[in-house]
C-alpha atoms as a PDB file:
ATOM      1  CA  MET A   1      10.327  17.561 -16.392  1.00  0.00           C
ATOM      2  CA  THR A   2      11.642  16.071 -13.149  1.00  0.00           C
ATOM      3  CA  ASP A   3      15.161  14.615 -13.278  1.00  0.00           C
ATOM      4  CA  ILE A   4      14.915  11.693 -10.865  1.00  0.00           C
ATOM      5  CA  THR A   5      18.698  11.434 -10.451  1.00  0.00           C
ATOM      6  CA  LEU A   6      18.772  14.925  -8.934  1.00  0.00           C
ATOM      7  CA  LEU A   7      16.322  13.832  -6.225  1.00  0.00           C
ATOM      8  CA  LEU A   8      18.507  10.938  -5.061  1.00  0.00           C
ATOM      9  CA  ARG A   9      20.697  11.064  -1.993  1.00  0.00           C
ATOM     10  CA  ASP A  10      24.352  11.478  -2.994  1.00  0.00           C
ATOM     11  CA  ASN A  11      25.409   8.220  -1.336  1.00  0.00           C
ATOM     12  CA  ILE A  12      22.676   6.317  -3.178  1.00  0.00           C
ATOM     13  CA  ARG A  13      23.661   7.866  -6.490  1.00  0.00           C
ATOM     14  CA  LYS A  14      27.243   6.663  -5.943  1.00  0.00           C
ATOM     15  CA  LEU A  15      26.276   3.271  -4.525  1.00  0.00           C
ATOM     16  CA  VAL A  16      27.786   0.127  -5.988  1.00  0.00           C
ATOM     17  CA  PRO A  17      25.043  -2.442  -5.319  1.00  0.00           C
ATOM     18  CA  TYR A  18      25.685  -5.869  -3.867  1.00  0.00           C
ATOM     19  CA  ALA A  19      25.974  -8.517  -6.573  1.00  0.00           C
ATOM     20  CA  SER A  20      24.501 -11.852  -5.505  1.00  0.00           C
ATOM     21  CA  ALA A  21      25.513 -15.178  -6.972  1.00  0.00           C
ATOM     22  CA  ARG A  22      22.343 -15.172  -9.061  1.00  0.00           C
ATOM     23  CA  ASP A  23      23.147 -11.713 -10.407  1.00  0.00           C
ATOM     24  CA  GLU A  24      26.540 -12.811 -11.681  1.00  0.00           C
ATOM     25  CA  PHE A  25      25.222 -15.923 -13.450  1.00  0.00           C
ATOM     26  CA  SER A  26      22.664 -16.036 -16.229  1.00  0.00           C
ATOM     27  CA  GLY A  27      21.769 -18.863 -18.544  1.00  0.00           C
ATOM     28  CA  SER A  28      21.135 -22.557 -17.948  1.00  0.00           C
ATOM     29  CA  ALA A  29      23.078 -25.014 -15.804  1.00  0.00           C
ATOM     30  CA  HIS A  30      22.457 -28.203 -13.855  1.00  0.00           C
ATOM     31  CA  ILE A  31      25.169 -27.964 -11.175  1.00  0.00           C
ATOM     32  CA  PHE A  32      25.118 -24.895  -8.911  1.00  0.00           C
ATOM     33  CA  LEU A  33      28.171 -24.534  -6.689  1.00  0.00           C
ATOM     34  CA  ASP A  34      28.318 -20.742  -6.536  1.00  0.00           C
ATOM     35  CA  ALA A  35      26.092 -19.594  -3.637  1.00  0.00           C
ATOM     36  CA  ASN A  36      27.140 -21.765  -0.666  1.00  0.00           C
ATOM     37  CA  GLU A  37      23.687 -23.360  -0.526  1.00  0.00           C
ATOM     38  CA  ASN A  38      23.009 -26.809   0.928  1.00  0.00           C
ATOM     39  CA  SER A  39      23.477 -28.969  -2.161  1.00  0.00           C
ATOM     40  CA  ILE A  40      21.825 -32.021  -0.559  1.00  0.00           C
ATOM     41  CA  GLY A  41      18.432 -30.365  -0.184  1.00  0.00           C
ATOM     42  CA  SER A  42      16.174 -29.236   2.648  1.00  0.00           C
ATOM     43  CA  PRO A  43      13.990 -30.996   5.222  1.00  0.00           C
ATOM     44  CA  ILE A  44      10.851 -29.658   3.510  1.00  0.00           C
ATOM     45  CA  THR A  45      11.395 -29.955  -0.218  1.00  0.00           C
ATOM     46  CA  PRO A  46      14.557 -29.993  -2.325  1.00  0.00           C
ATOM     47  CA  ALA A  47      13.498 -26.809  -4.106  1.00  0.00           C
ATOM     48  CA  TYR A  48      13.934 -24.594  -1.048  1.00  0.00           C
ATOM     49  CA  ASN A  49      17.644 -25.212  -0.638  1.00  0.00           C
ATOM     50  CA  ARG A  50      18.296 -22.724  -3.453  1.00  0.00           C
ATOM     51  CA  TYR A  51      18.069 -18.944  -3.213  1.00  0.00           C
ATOM     52  CA  PRO A  52      15.001 -17.488  -4.955  1.00  0.00           C
ATOM     53  CA  ASP A  53      15.087 -15.392  -8.096  1.00  0.00           C
ATOM     54  CA  PRO A  54      16.268 -11.978  -6.840  1.00  0.00           C
ATOM     55  CA  HIS A  55      14.427 -10.238  -9.678  1.00  0.00           C
ATOM     56  CA  GLN A  56      11.143 -12.218  -9.502  1.00  0.00           C
ATOM     57  CA  VAL A  57      11.102 -12.422 -13.300  1.00  0.00           C
ATOM     58  CA  LYS A  58       8.157 -14.818 -13.645  1.00  0.00           C
ATOM     59  CA  ILE A  59       5.915 -12.742 -11.374  1.00  0.00           C
ATOM     60  CA  LYS A  60       6.773  -9.539 -13.226  1.00  0.00           C
ATOM     61  CA  GLU A  61       6.051 -11.203 -16.558  1.00  0.00           C
ATOM     62  CA  ARG A  62       2.603 -12.212 -15.277  1.00  0.00           C
ATOM     63  CA  LEU A  63       1.991  -8.755 -13.825  1.00  0.00           C
ATOM     64  CA  MET A  64       2.929  -7.281 -17.195  1.00  0.00           C
ATOM     65  CA  GLN A  65      -0.041  -9.145 -18.674  1.00  0.00           C
ATOM     66  CA  ILE A  66      -2.373  -7.989 -15.897  1.00  0.00           C
ATOM     67  CA  LYS A  67      -1.202  -4.387 -15.457  1.00  0.00           C
ATOM     68  CA  GLY A  68      -0.036  -3.621 -18.988  1.00  0.00           C
ATOM     69  CA  LEU A  69       3.412  -2.486 -17.847  1.00  0.00           C
ATOM     70  CA  PRO A  70       6.806  -3.916 -18.842  1.00  0.00           C
ATOM     71  CA  PRO A  71       8.890  -5.505 -16.032  1.00  0.00           C
ATOM     72  CA  GLN A  72      11.333  -2.589 -15.907  1.00  0.00           C
ATOM     73  CA  HIS A  73       8.485  -0.478 -14.488  1.00  0.00           C
ATOM     74  CA  ILE A  74       7.674  -2.973 -11.706  1.00  0.00           C
ATOM     75  CA  PHE A  75       9.281  -3.410  -8.284  1.00  0.00           C
ATOM     76  CA  LEU A  76       8.235  -6.112  -5.833  1.00  0.00           C
ATOM     77  CA  GLY A  77       8.710  -5.646  -2.114  1.00  0.00           C
ATOM     78  CA  ASN A  78       8.182  -7.572   1.098  1.00  0.00           C
ATOM     79  CA  GLY A  79       4.832  -5.849   1.505  1.00  0.00           C
ATOM     80  CA  SER A  80       4.213  -2.235   0.519  1.00  0.00           C
ATOM     81  CA  ASP A  81       5.987  -1.249   3.722  1.00  0.00           C
ATOM     82  CA  GLU A  82       9.331  -2.274   2.187  1.00  0.00           C
ATOM     83  CA  CYS A  83       8.559  -0.129  -0.860  1.00  0.00           C
ATOM     84  CA  ILE A  84       7.811   2.824   1.437  1.00  0.00           C
ATOM     85  CA  ASP A  85      11.027   2.369   3.397  1.00  0.00           C
ATOM     86  CA  LEU A  86      13.168   2.037   0.262  1.00  0.00           C
ATOM     87  CA  LEU A  87      11.776   5.283  -1.155  1.00  0.00           C
ATOM     88  CA  TYR A  88      12.796   7.064   2.039  1.00  0.00           C
ATOM     89  CA  ARG A  89      16.280   5.552   1.958  1.00  0.00           C
ATOM     90  CA  ALA A  90      16.789   6.396  -1.702  1.00  0.00           C
ATOM     91  CA  PHE A  91      15.464   9.939  -1.849  1.00  0.00           C
ATOM     92  CA  CYS A  92      15.391  11.509   1.635  1.00  0.00           C
ATOM     93  CA  ASN A  93      18.495  12.787   3.394  1.00  0.00           C
ATOM     94  CA  PRO A  94      18.174  12.113   7.145  1.00  0.00           C
ATOM     95  CA  GLY A  95      17.929  15.249   9.259  1.00  0.00           C
ATOM     96  CA  LYS A  96      17.623  17.446   6.177  1.00  0.00           C
ATOM     97  CA  ASP A  97      14.698  16.549   3.917  1.00  0.00           C
ATOM     98  CA  ASN A  98      10.961  16.442   4.608  1.00  0.00           C
ATOM     99  CA  VAL A  99       7.824  14.744   3.327  1.00  0.00           C
ATOM    100  CA  ILE A 100       4.139  15.688   3.375  1.00  0.00           C
ATOM    101  CA  ILE A 101       1.295  13.481   4.560  1.00  0.00           C
ATOM    102  CA  HIS A 102      -2.464  14.100   4.819  1.00  0.00           C
ATOM    103  CA  PRO A 103      -3.861  12.878   8.139  1.00  0.00           C
ATOM    104  CA  PRO A 104      -5.865  10.893   8.807  1.00  0.00           C
ATOM    105  CA  THR A 105      -4.023   8.410   6.619  1.00  0.00           C
ATOM    106  CA  TYR A 106      -1.963   5.210   6.662  1.00  0.00           C
ATOM    107  CA  GLY A 107       0.397   5.377   9.624  1.00  0.00           C
ATOM    108  CA  MET A 108       3.493   3.785   8.076  1.00  0.00           C
ATOM    109  CA  TYR A 109       4.325   6.897   6.043  1.00  0.00           C
ATOM    110  CA  GLU A 110       5.031   8.697   9.310  1.00  0.00           C
ATOM    111  CA  VAL A 111       6.580   5.754  11.172  1.00  0.00           C
ATOM    112  CA  SER A 112       8.983   5.055   8.324  1.00  0.00           C
ATOM    113  CA  ALA A 113       9.890   8.745   8.171  1.00  0.00           C
ATOM    114  CA  HIS A 114      10.800   8.745  11.860  1.00  0.00           C
ATOM    115  CA  ILE A 115      12.859   5.570  11.435  1.00  0.00           C
ATOM    116  CA  ASN A 116      14.786   7.291   8.644  1.00  0.00           C
ATOM    117  CA  ASP A 117      15.063  10.613  10.542  1.00  0.00           C
ATOM    118  CA  VAL A 118      13.001  12.526   7.988  1.00  0.00           C
ATOM    119  CA  GLU A 119      10.770  15.452   8.955  1.00  0.00           C
ATOM    120  CA  VAL A 120       7.037  14.897   8.509  1.00  0.00           C
ATOM    121  CA  ARG A 121       4.848  17.839   7.524  1.00  0.00           C
ATOM    122  CA  ARG A 122       1.087  17.486   7.859  1.00  0.00           C
ATOM    123  CA  ALA A 123      -1.579  18.922   5.570  1.00  0.00           C
ATOM    124  CA  PRO A 124      -4.742  17.542   7.219  1.00  0.00           C
ATOM    125  CA  LEU A 125      -7.665  16.617   5.025  1.00  0.00           C
ATOM    126  CA  THR A 126     -10.595  19.003   4.880  1.00  0.00           C
ATOM    127  CA  GLU A 127     -13.828  18.356   6.799  1.00  0.00           C
ATOM    128  CA  ASN A 128     -15.041  16.394   3.773  1.00  0.00           C
ATOM    129  CA  PHE A 129     -11.811  14.361   3.730  1.00  0.00           C
ATOM    130  CA  ASP A 130     -10.535  16.061   0.572  1.00  0.00           C
ATOM    131  CA  LEU A 131      -6.940  17.115  -0.121  1.00  0.00           C
ATOM    132  CA  ASP A 132      -6.144  20.651   1.016  1.00  0.00           C
ATOM    133  CA  LEU A 133      -4.130  21.953  -1.928  1.00  0.00           C
ATOM    134  CA  ALA A 134      -3.492  25.359  -0.380  1.00  0.00           C
ATOM    135  CA  ALA A 135      -2.061  23.785   2.774  1.00  0.00           C
ATOM    136  CA  ILE A 136       0.149  21.485   0.713  1.00  0.00           C
ATOM    137  CA  GLU A 137       1.499  24.417  -1.297  1.00  0.00           C
ATOM    138  CA  GLN A 138       2.426  26.282   1.884  1.00  0.00           C
ATOM    139  CA  LEU A 139       4.326  23.295   3.272  1.00  0.00           C
ATOM    140  CA  VAL A 140       6.480  22.556   0.226  1.00  0.00           C
ATOM    141  CA  ASP A 141      10.034  23.869   0.235  1.00  0.00           C
ATOM    142  CA  ASP A 142      13.355  23.002  -1.429  1.00  0.00           C
ATOM    143  CA  HIS A 143      13.816  20.017   0.908  1.00  0.00           C
ATOM    144  CA  THR A 144      10.414  18.426   0.317  1.00  0.00           C
ATOM    145  CA  LYS A 145      11.156  15.129  -1.410  1.00  0.00           C
ATOM    146  CA  ILE A 146       7.904  13.118  -1.248  1.00  0.00           C
ATOM    147  CA  ILE A 147       4.185  13.806  -1.058  1.00  0.00           C
ATOM    148  CA  TRP A 148       2.292  10.695   0.104  1.00  0.00           C
ATOM    149  CA  ILE A 149      -1.280  10.244  -1.149  1.00  0.00           C
ATOM    150  CA  CYS A 150      -3.347   7.229  -0.098  1.00  0.00           C
ATOM    151  CA  SER A 151      -6.289   6.888  -2.495  1.00  0.00           C
ATOM    152  CA  PRO A 152      -8.687   5.327  -1.637  1.00  0.00           C
ATOM    153  CA  ASN A 153      -7.624   6.620   1.738  1.00  0.00           C
ATOM    154  CA  ASN A 154      -7.246   4.624   4.920  1.00  0.00           C
ATOM    155  CA  PRO A 155      -9.122   5.120   7.255  1.00  0.00           C
ATOM    156  CA  THR A 156     -11.602   7.487   5.577  1.00  0.00           C
ATOM    157  CA  GLY A 157     -12.389   5.195   2.618  1.00  0.00           C
ATOM    158  CA  ASN A 158     -12.739   7.893  -0.028  1.00  0.00           C
ATOM    159  CA  ALA A 159     -10.786   8.281  -3.257  1.00  0.00           C
ATOM    160  CA  PHE A 160      -9.389  11.743  -3.923  1.00  0.00           C
ATOM    161  CA  SER A 161     -10.278  13.900  -6.907  1.00  0.00           C
ATOM    162  CA  ARG A 162      -8.088  13.109  -9.926  1.00  0.00           C
ATOM    163  CA  VAL A 163      -8.005  16.809 -10.721  1.00  0.00           C
ATOM    164  CA  ASP A 164      -6.498  17.561  -7.292  1.00  0.00           C
ATOM    165  CA  VAL A 165      -3.920  14.785  -7.596  1.00  0.00           C
ATOM    166  CA  GLU A 166      -2.958  15.878 -11.105  1.00  0.00           C
ATOM    167  CA  MET A 167      -2.603  19.447  -9.822  1.00  0.00           C
ATOM    168  CA  ILE A 168       0.019  18.184  -7.369  1.00  0.00           C
ATOM    169  CA  LEU A 169       1.766  16.102 -10.028  1.00  0.00           C
ATOM    170  CA  ASN A 170       1.963  19.089 -12.357  1.00  0.00           C
ATOM    171  CA  ASN A 171       3.300  21.515  -9.775  1.00  0.00           C
ATOM    172  CA  PHE A 172       5.614  19.486  -7.530  1.00  0.00           C
ATOM    173  CA  ASP A 173       9.113  18.426  -8.615  1.00  0.00           C
ATOM    174  CA  GLY A 174       9.628  15.756  -5.960  1.00  0.00           C
ATOM    175  CA  LEU A 175       8.121  12.281  -5.851  1.00  0.00           C
ATOM    176  CA  VAL A 176       4.350  11.903  -5.654  1.00  0.00           C
ATOM    177  CA  VAL A 177       3.572   8.466  -4.254  1.00  0.00           C
ATOM    178  CA  ILE A 178      -0.016   7.290  -4.696  1.00  0.00           C
ATOM    179  CA  ASP A 179      -0.810   4.323  -2.488  1.00  0.00           C
ATOM    180  CA  GLU A 180      -3.572   2.333  -4.185  1.00  0.00           C
ATOM    181  CA  ALA A 181      -3.840  -0.539  -1.710  1.00  0.00           C
ATOM    182  CA  TYR A 182      -7.658  -0.447  -2.050  1.00  0.00           C
ATOM    183  CA  ILE A 183      -7.950   0.465  -5.732  1.00  0.00           C
ATOM    184  CA  ASN A 184      -9.593  -2.849  -6.675  1.00  0.00           C
ATOM    185  CA  PHE A 185     -12.642  -1.919  -4.595  1.00  0.00           C
ATOM    186  CA  SER A 186     -12.904   1.561  -6.114  1.00  0.00           C
ATOM    187  CA  ARG A 187     -14.690   3.050  -9.105  1.00  0.00           C
ATOM    188  CA  GLN A 188     -11.646   5.237  -9.699  1.00  0.00           C
ATOM    189  CA  GLN A 189      -9.116   4.227 -12.337  1.00  0.00           C
ATOM    190  CA  SER A 190      -5.568   3.492 -11.234  1.00  0.00           C
ATOM    191  CA  PHE A 191      -2.917   6.149 -11.800  1.00  0.00           C
ATOM    192  CA  ILE A 192      -0.712   3.463 -13.395  1.00  0.00           C
ATOM    193  CA  ARG A 193      -1.791   4.669 -16.820  1.00  0.00           C
ATOM    194  CA  GLU A 194      -0.366   8.126 -15.970  1.00  0.00           C
ATOM    195  CA  LEU A 195       3.190   6.845 -15.394  1.00  0.00           C
ATOM    196  CA  THR A 196       4.347   7.791 -18.892  1.00  0.00           C
ATOM    197  CA  GLU A 197       3.301  11.410 -18.290  1.00  0.00           C
ATOM    198  CA  TYR A 198       4.903  11.919 -14.879  1.00  0.00           C
ATOM    199  CA  PRO A 199       8.473  10.710 -14.212  1.00  0.00           C
ATOM    200  CA  ASN A 200       8.027  11.688 -10.545  1.00  0.00           C
ATOM    201  CA  LEU A 201       4.965   9.454 -10.064  1.00  0.00           C
ATOM    202  CA  VAL A 202       5.154   6.234  -8.047  1.00  0.00           C
ATOM    203  CA  VAL A 203       2.081   4.002  -7.649  1.00  0.00           C
ATOM    204  CA  LEU A 204       1.939   1.461  -4.829  1.00  0.00           C
ATOM    205  CA  GLN A 205      -0.387  -1.534  -4.864  1.00  0.00           C
ATOM    206  CA  THR A 206      -0.586  -4.730  -2.858  1.00  0.00           C
ATOM    207  CA  LEU A 207      -1.741  -8.338  -2.992  1.00  0.00           C
ATOM    208  CA  SER A 208      -2.859  -8.143   0.654  1.00  0.00           C
ATOM    209  CA  LYS A 209      -6.361  -6.765   0.108  1.00  0.00           C
ATOM    210  CA  ALA A 210      -8.362  -7.741  -2.990  1.00  0.00           C
ATOM    211  CA  TRP A 211      -6.099 -10.690  -3.754  1.00  0.00           C
ATOM    212  CA  GLY A 212      -6.432 -12.053  -0.212  1.00  0.00           C
ATOM    213  CA  LEU A 213      -2.693 -12.710   0.201  1.00  0.00           C
ATOM    214  CA  ALA A 214      -1.867 -10.613   3.280  1.00  0.00           C
ATOM    215  CA  GLY A 215       0.039 -13.535   4.802  1.00  0.00           C
ATOM    216  CA  LEU A 216       2.471 -13.698   1.875  1.00  0.00           C
ATOM    217  CA  ARG A 217       3.610 -10.059   2.179  1.00  0.00           C
ATOM    218  CA  LEU A 218       4.010  -8.889  -1.390  1.00  0.00           C
ATOM    219  CA  GLY A 219       3.716  -5.238  -2.337  1.00  0.00           C
ATOM    220  CA  MET A 220       4.194  -3.639  -5.732  1.00  0.00           C
ATOM    221  CA  ALA A 221       5.635  -0.326  -6.837  1.00  0.00           C
ATOM    222  CA  PHE A 222       5.076   0.934 -10.378  1.00  0.00           C
ATOM    223  CA  ALA A 223       7.168   3.826 -11.681  1.00  0.00           C
ATOM    224  CA  GLY A 224       9.512   5.017 -14.400  1.00  0.00           C
ATOM    225  CA  GLU A 225      12.698   3.039 -14.984  1.00  0.00           C
ATOM    226  CA  PRO A 226      14.990   5.426 -13.039  1.00  0.00           C
ATOM    227  CA  VAL A 227      12.949   4.966  -9.846  1.00  0.00           C
ATOM    228  CA  ILE A 228      12.568   1.202 -10.241  1.00  0.00           C
ATOM    229  CA  ASP A 229      16.269   0.857 -11.029  1.00  0.00           C
ATOM    230  CA  VAL A 230      17.346   2.559  -7.817  1.00  0.00           C
ATOM    231  CA  MET A 231      14.880   0.543  -5.720  1.00  0.00           C
ATOM    232  CA  ASN A 232      16.325  -2.658  -7.173  1.00  0.00           C
ATOM    233  CA  ARG A 233      19.857  -1.458  -6.422  1.00  0.00           C
ATOM    234  CA  ILE A 234      19.235  -0.841  -2.724  1.00  0.00           C
ATOM    235  CA  LYS A 235      16.851  -3.660  -1.833  1.00  0.00           C
ATOM    236  CA  PRO A 236      18.112  -6.789  -0.023  1.00  0.00           C
ATOM    237  CA  PRO A 237      19.248  -9.259  -2.703  1.00  0.00           C
ATOM    238  CA  TYR A 238      16.598 -11.910  -1.964  1.00  0.00           C
ATOM    239  CA  ASN A 239      13.717  -9.900  -0.535  1.00  0.00           C
ATOM    240  CA  ILE A 240      10.920 -12.167  -1.851  1.00  0.00           C
ATOM    241  CA  GLY A 241      11.153 -15.799  -0.739  1.00  0.00           C
ATOM    242  CA  GLN A 242      10.743 -18.815  -2.997  1.00  0.00           C
ATOM    243  CA  ALA A 243       7.516 -20.023  -1.359  1.00  0.00           C
ATOM    244  CA  THR A 244       5.961 -16.570  -1.724  1.00  0.00           C
ATOM    245  CA  GLN A 245       6.952 -16.376  -5.381  1.00  0.00           C
ATOM    246  CA  GLU A 246       5.421 -19.777  -6.125  1.00  0.00           C
ATOM    247  CA  LEU A 247       2.145 -19.051  -4.334  1.00  0.00           C
ATOM    248  CA  VAL A 248       1.829 -15.575  -5.838  1.00  0.00           C
ATOM    249  CA  LEU A 249       2.271 -16.971  -9.338  1.00  0.00           C
ATOM    250  CA  GLU A 250      -0.463 -19.501  -8.619  1.00  0.00           C
ATOM    251  CA  ALA A 251      -2.791 -16.756  -7.393  1.00  0.00           C
ATOM    252  CA  LEU A 252      -2.078 -14.456 -10.353  1.00  0.00           C
ATOM    253  CA  ASN A 253      -3.521 -17.141 -12.601  1.00  0.00           C
ATOM    254  CA  GLN A 254      -6.845 -16.926 -10.726  1.00  0.00           C
ATOM    255  CA  THR A 255      -7.957 -13.465 -11.841  1.00  0.00           C
ATOM    256  CA  GLU A 256     -11.570 -14.510 -12.486  1.00  0.00           C
ATOM    257  CA  LYS A 257     -11.898 -15.864  -8.960  1.00  0.00           C
ATOM    258  CA  VAL A 258     -10.381 -12.698  -7.506  1.00  0.00           C
ATOM    259  CA  ASN A 259     -12.708 -10.494  -9.554  1.00  0.00           C
ATOM    260  CA  GLY A 260     -15.628 -12.494  -8.198  1.00  0.00           C
ATOM    261  CA  MET A 261     -14.450 -11.937  -4.622  1.00  0.00           C
ATOM    262  CA  ILE A 262     -14.085  -8.209  -5.294  1.00  0.00           C
ATOM    263  CA  ARG A 263     -17.643  -7.957  -6.604  1.00  0.00           C
ATOM    264  CA  GLU A 264     -18.942  -9.869  -3.595  1.00  0.00           C
ATOM    265  CA  ILE A 265     -17.058  -7.685  -1.110  1.00  0.00           C
ATOM    266  CA  VAL A 266     -18.210  -4.449  -2.768  1.00  0.00           C
ATOM    267  CA  GLY A 267     -21.800  -5.684  -2.696  1.00  0.00           C
ATOM    268  CA  MET A 268     -21.569  -6.619   0.980  1.00  0.00           C
ATOM    269  CA  ARG A 269     -19.859  -3.290   1.740  1.00  0.00           C
ATOM    270  CA  ASN A 270     -22.772  -1.379   0.279  1.00  0.00           C
ATOM    271  CA  GLU A 271     -25.309  -3.535   2.129  1.00  0.00           C
ATOM    272  CA  LEU A 272     -23.414  -3.205   5.402  1.00  0.00           C
ATOM    273  CA  ALA A 273     -23.189   0.573   5.035  1.00  0.00           C
ATOM    274  CA  GLU A 274     -26.947   0.821   4.539  1.00  0.00           C
ATOM    275  CA  GLN A 275     -27.746  -1.487   7.460  1.00  0.00           C
ATOM    276  CA  ILE A 276     -25.309   0.130   9.898  1.00  0.00           C
ATOM    277  CA  GLY A 277     -26.652   3.529   8.912  1.00  0.00           C
ATOM    278  CA  ARG A 278     -30.093   2.543  10.189  1.00  0.00           C
ATOM    279  CA  LEU A 279     -28.858   2.006  13.747  1.00  0.00           C
ATOM    280  CA  SER A 280     -29.951   4.775  16.133  1.00  0.00           C
ATOM    281  CA  SER A 281     -26.467   5.028  17.669  1.00  0.00           C
ATOM    282  CA  VAL A 282     -24.778   5.649  14.311  1.00  0.00           C
ATOM    283  CA  MET A 283     -24.251   9.292  13.370  1.00  0.00           C
ATOM    284  CA  ASN A 284     -22.597   8.785   9.982  1.00  0.00           C
ATOM    285  CA  VAL A 285     -21.341   6.070   7.672  1.00  0.00           C
ATOM    286  CA  TYR A 286     -18.801   7.693   5.392  1.00  0.00           C
ATOM    287  CA  PRO A 287     -18.836   6.720   1.695  1.00  0.00           C
ATOM    288  CA  SER A 288     -16.195   4.070   1.057  1.00  0.00           C
ATOM    289  CA  GLU A 289     -14.271   2.845  -1.956  1.00  0.00           C
ATOM    290  CA  GLY A 290     -12.294   0.331   0.098  1.00  0.00           C
ATOM    291  CA  ASN A 291     -13.175  -2.978   1.735  1.00  0.00           C
ATOM    292  CA  PHE A 292     -14.041  -1.217   4.985  1.00  0.00           C
ATOM    293  CA  LEU A 293     -16.320   1.450   6.432  1.00  0.00           C
ATOM    294  CA  LEU A 294     -15.559   4.423   8.645  1.00  0.00           C
ATOM    295  CA  VAL A 295     -18.482   4.713  11.034  1.00  0.00           C
ATOM    296  CA  LYS A 296     -19.155   7.639  13.365  1.00  0.00           C
ATOM    297  CA  ILE A 297     -21.005   6.196  16.336  1.00  0.00           C
ATOM    298  CA  LYS A 298     -22.070   7.465  19.756  1.00  0.00           C
ATOM    299  CA  GLU A 299     -19.647   6.474  22.517  1.00  0.00           C
ATOM    300  CA  ALA A 300     -17.300   4.831  20.031  1.00  0.00           C
ATOM    301  CA  ARG A 301     -14.698   3.846  22.624  1.00  0.00           C
ATOM    302  CA  ARG A 302     -17.318   2.144  24.789  1.00  0.00           C
ATOM    303  CA  ILE A 303     -18.755   0.326  21.789  1.00  0.00           C
ATOM    304  CA  TYR A 304     -15.261  -0.750  20.752  1.00  0.00           C
ATOM    305  CA  GLY A 305     -14.603  -2.254  24.181  1.00  0.00           C
ATOM    306  CA  LYS A 306     -17.970  -3.996  24.245  1.00  0.00           C
ATOM    307  CA  LEU A 307     -17.376  -5.491  20.803  1.00  0.00           C
ATOM    308  CA  LEU A 308     -14.053  -6.862  22.003  1.00  0.00           C
ATOM    309  CA  LYS A 309     -15.791  -8.616  24.874  1.00  0.00           C
ATOM    310  CA  GLU A 310     -18.097 -10.225  22.314  1.00  0.00           C
ATOM    311  CA  GLY A 311     -15.077 -11.450  20.327  1.00  0.00           C
ATOM    312  CA  ILE A 312     -15.487  -8.901  17.530  1.00  0.00           C
ATOM    313  CA  VAL A 313     -12.398  -6.851  16.682  1.00  0.00           C
ATOM    314  CA  VAL A 314     -12.756  -3.563  14.801  1.00  0.00           C
ATOM    315  CA  ARG A 315     -10.375  -0.591  14.713  1.00  0.00           C
ATOM    316  CA  ASP A 316     -10.898   2.397  16.997  1.00  0.00           C
ATOM    317  CA  ARG A 317      -9.864   5.466  14.998  1.00  0.00           C
ATOM    318  CA  SER A 318     -11.268   8.032  17.455  1.00  0.00           C
ATOM    319  CA  SER A 319      -7.862   9.575  18.074  1.00  0.00           C
ATOM    320  CA  ALA A 320      -7.095  10.146  14.378  1.00  0.00           C
ATOM    321  CA  PRO A 321      -7.522  13.741  13.136  1.00  0.00           C
ATOM    322  CA  GLY A 322     -11.085  14.381  11.991  1.00  0.00           C
ATOM    323  CA  CYS A 323     -12.242  10.926  13.138  1.00  0.00           C
ATOM    324  CA  ALA A 324     -13.648  11.583  16.612  1.00  0.00           C
ATOM    325  CA  ASP A 325     -16.046   8.815  17.688  1.00  0.00           C
ATOM    326  CA  CYS A 326     -15.166   6.745  14.620  1.00  0.00           C
ATOM    327  CA  LEU A 327     -14.669   3.001  14.222  1.00  0.00           C
ATOM    328  CA  ARG A 328     -13.139   1.477  11.124  1.00  0.00           C
ATOM    329  CA  ILE A 329     -14.942  -1.753  10.269  1.00  0.00           C
ATOM    330  CA  THR A 330     -13.656  -4.230   7.690  1.00  0.00           C
ATOM    331  CA  VAL A 331     -16.274  -5.953   5.552  1.00  0.00           C
ATOM    332  CA  GLY A 332     -16.475  -9.549   6.776  1.00  0.00           C
ATOM    333  CA  THR A 333     -18.263 -12.626   5.506  1.00  0.00           C
ATOM    334  CA  ARG A 334     -22.068 -12.450   5.394  1.00  0.00           C
ATOM    335  CA  GLU A 335     -22.243 -14.376   8.658  1.00  0.00           C
ATOM    336  CA  GLN A 336     -19.711 -12.094  10.326  1.00  0.00           C
ATOM    337  CA  ASN A 337     -21.497  -8.970   9.098  1.00  0.00           C
ATOM    338  CA  GLU A 338     -24.807 -10.261  10.446  1.00  0.00           C
ATOM    339  CA  LYS A 339     -23.237 -10.984  13.841  1.00  0.00           C
ATOM    340  CA  LEU A 340     -21.699  -7.507  13.904  1.00  0.00           C
ATOM    341  CA  LEU A 341     -25.033  -5.845  13.115  1.00  0.00           C
ATOM    342  CA  GLU A 342     -26.834  -7.911  15.710  1.00  0.00           C
ATOM    343  CA  THR A 343     -24.268  -7.023  18.366  1.00  0.00           C
ATOM    344  CA  LEU A 344     -24.182  -3.323  17.458  1.00  0.00           C
ATOM    345  CA  SER A 345     -27.967  -3.078  17.612  1.00  0.00           C
ATOM    346  CA  VAL A 346     -27.900  -4.389  21.182  1.00  0.00           C
ATOM    347  CA  LEU A 347     -24.899  -2.344  22.322  1.00  0.00           C
ATOM    348  CA  GLY A 348     -26.229   0.861  20.841  1.00  0.00           C
ATOM    349  CA  THR A 349     -29.259   0.744  23.092  1.00  0.00           C
ATOM    350  CA  ALA A 350     -27.503  -0.651  26.169  1.00  0.00           C
END
């Protein structure tokens, strides 16, 4: 059984966290003169002159109903990127520890590692975009603190075998972070329900994709209490603004609408994959469990440039390992998808 406290950096273990005015006070009051706020109000609305709830209690209570987890297992960050950075700062000693990633995958795992001066070790995915367990085993040493797993993976779109992920969880004593940004579009069950079995498991999710709230920047980390506790200790005191908290709460009460959007996007994804696959210039459309497709297409860089000139922006992933001649295409509206297909059909024969 992994002892999370032993994985922490010494300075983090000894850290006395900053106590904000809202941490020191609890209860009810009608006059607040403790936080040096503007007591008169604000030019927008009087509510925004006060600091937001540093613990986002109302959002966590709503998420408890949706996710089936108590608030002490939930951390909210300014996007998942803040969650990623905090895990590095809490558990990885700069210039000493290392992490393992599986390219091609989400780029912020590596960028954040470099920012925090942490060595990145790469276990590339197999030709079929599966995890290479043997390669991972060879890379792990006493200074390996985190294994990052993005499932469904970006940019490949596939979800990894649960058996492979559980093999890692059962044999690695460091943190295993499963990034489930696209889980709502997948047939695979979330690993949230496995949190009670693995104290070293951290699950990341986001409101940016299925919930359509990318502009609000709210990411979620789910883990055992020791991990969540340390993330709360080292985060900025007011990392989620008042406006974001209000709008997120409003959205979390619209689950039926969100589920409808998910079903529509998945349906359009499957249609788009079939239609793109018929184009003569397309060599492969990889199976996807996200809201995007990875498409192997002849002269991908040329096609990418031509699409730009037509006002259509996709992502050129040709330089990513194992993704030569590949474009990553987000599922758009029906009208946008039709325009894309029409343009691709012309460009592919030009």
